[in-house]
């Protein structure tokens, strides 16, 4: 790719001197080396046809800068067990690009593959059923039946039934009719004519789920008959429910098949007002598990008429009425248990994310869903963990098939302080084991299970992703029944020599940062040390320190883990040490530590960052005259607070879609309740019409209240389509800085949302961060 073409033309003004332009070109060339690294998104395993070994499929993505999209391809391998207990992977020579594919879902047997292609411009959605050699079925579903299939990772749900004759899935409901107008005025009737003499009006505005969902119609549930190609909407679901994450319930009689799904209501409060608050990254939206009958069913011939106290079996049943949150439903292999995750701590407190809990329902033996089934706590919320002990569940996804062969052990990934780990959980006893290596500071993600073995990915801030294969040892060989992990040689780990050479000169560690001035008013969990990940050069001479970038995650109830990041490894490779702070309020440290932050944003979190900075300075790892700070969203809130509260401590700053003024954000964001929870510490205060007192509080808690003290040169990277922290927040703060004569650089990406993750935008963002910091740290 032409290096000069990678940089926005608007960001290569003629005023740039030759030295600055050379810096852009040099850093752009290096950044492209890191950008080219592939990511493993998903994996599946199947038993081989000959019964020997198994097959694995990996869905891989890579940034395509010229097209400004993620290029996706599928790579396959045959897994065989060797006589010496080792494992061999035989990879196919070349991957297959998944052009135009929205999602793929293998059938339970692995003999069929569903390929979904969502189309643009109102064209029908395509469903393709493939076998091992060819396309077996193709169905085109018009917009009059439903819109695009959801592939967002949250509402998304595609599930084959056990005999592979039906597929349940979530798609946009069909669009409502809209008024038509022509040269004579209003056109009566619902016309679909597309003639040049008429036009379609907008009709009533409808609520959506905010960030990443504008223009998306409500998610609804459908089932396709694989043999006939017939598609039917599932009946009996309340109109106020948005549905997702559908799975099939065990089939007992063969006459009725039930679907279990997650439902989020758009009605809130005693008035049942239709209001959808932003749901992306927000687990504090109440949701329940429901069961409903499949639209393809046979009536029992001897079925008696309904009695007065019986409900129609086509109506949905709420399975989790007694708990405020239930999602990621998974049936055990024997069909006796329905296990699900809950974010009840998040829903009940109002924090957008918090410590999860795991629960179980014993499924009725007759297969008929029941609303009165007892909910069993499998893994409760951990309030405050003992040192070195399990800190609680923090899961962002479950495998479709998370079970070992015993039928009651789940394998999942979870956050453990600053590390992502793999856990095994006995859903009958609640026993939890950390099965990724305890002595490893790398982060681990489970990809798929291969019988009782695990396919995973391990990485660190200085080690790109490496596929691992884990096997349990026999308890008679090891008292604890530990796991053995083997490196898998794969084409995906063939990184460029330039990248490997740069990364080999780096080192990282996890630092324990004691809480400064811990008072008796703090809870036990909030008094415990928090953590920071420190990345630095391993060849640094004594007494010399590279410039430091203080990295701050958003949320605030998120976390930075020790996994590989292409962007951060780029910054490390151009000569910066990184201090990645997991201040109190981050995920992974227990519920008390997390809940200590709401109501104290702008003070407790700011003090934690300053404490972490002083910690590395006191250790001689950082030069206090060469410190920069970088953060996005709430990390941008912290960054702009820091340069206001401590204006002499930073030589430069960079922010991505920062929260700078809560009073302004309150009326423009898709999550106004977040402002109340984090500023006031209580969701009960939330109202769409804030009082003058609350607006004053929001302002006083905001970085803009310190604007008169700011003098740090700051780079602003803003997404114009951001609904979470609208662009007005960053622009107001940047203009106020300019008004004071502080040096500011602003880049607005017209088509980007909160994450600024489109390949070209991400590339230009971190290129400018690197150049900006170099300018002030030289």
Foldseek 3Di string as FASTA:
>chain_A
DPQVVLFDPVVDDPPDDPVLVVLLSVLSVLLVLLQFAKDFDFKEWAQDPVRFFIKMKTWIWGFDSVVLFIWIWIWMWTWGQDPVRDIATHTDPDIGTPPQWLDKDAAPNNQKIWTWGADPPQFFIWIWIDGPPGTDDIATHGLQAFHGFDPPLAQWAWEADPVRFKIKTKTAGRDDQFWKAFPVGTDDDRDPDDDPGMDTDDPDDDAFQAFPCPPGHAIFMWMAGNPPRDIDGQPQDDPQWRWGHKYKADDDPQFWTKIKIKTFGQFDDPVRDRAHFHQVLAQQGFIFIKMAIHPDGHDDPPDDDDDPPDDDRRHIATQPPPARFWDDWAAFPVNQKIKTKGQRVCNVQVQRGFFIWIWIFGQDPVNRGDNPTDIGTLGDFFAFDDPPDQFGFAASHADNDQDAPVRQWGWFWGFAAQAIFIWIARSVRSDIDGQDDPPDQWHKGWRYADHQKTWIWTAFQLGATWIKIKDFDDCVVPVVRHIDIDTHDDPSRPRDPVSNVLSVQKDKDKDFFQQPPDDPPADPLQRGTHIKMKMAGNPDDPLDEWFEEEEQEASLAEHNHGHYDSLVSSLRSVTYMYIDGNFQLYPNRGRSSNLVQAQPALHRRLSSSVSSVVVCVVVVHHDQQRYEYEYEASSLQSRLSCCLVPVRRHQAYEYELYQAFLLVLLQQASHNLNLCCRNVVGSVQDDNDDDPVSNVSRRVSGSVVSLVRHAHEYEYEYECAERHRHPVRVVVSQVSNVVVVHHYHYDYDDHDYRVLPSSSSVSNRSSVVSSRSVVRND
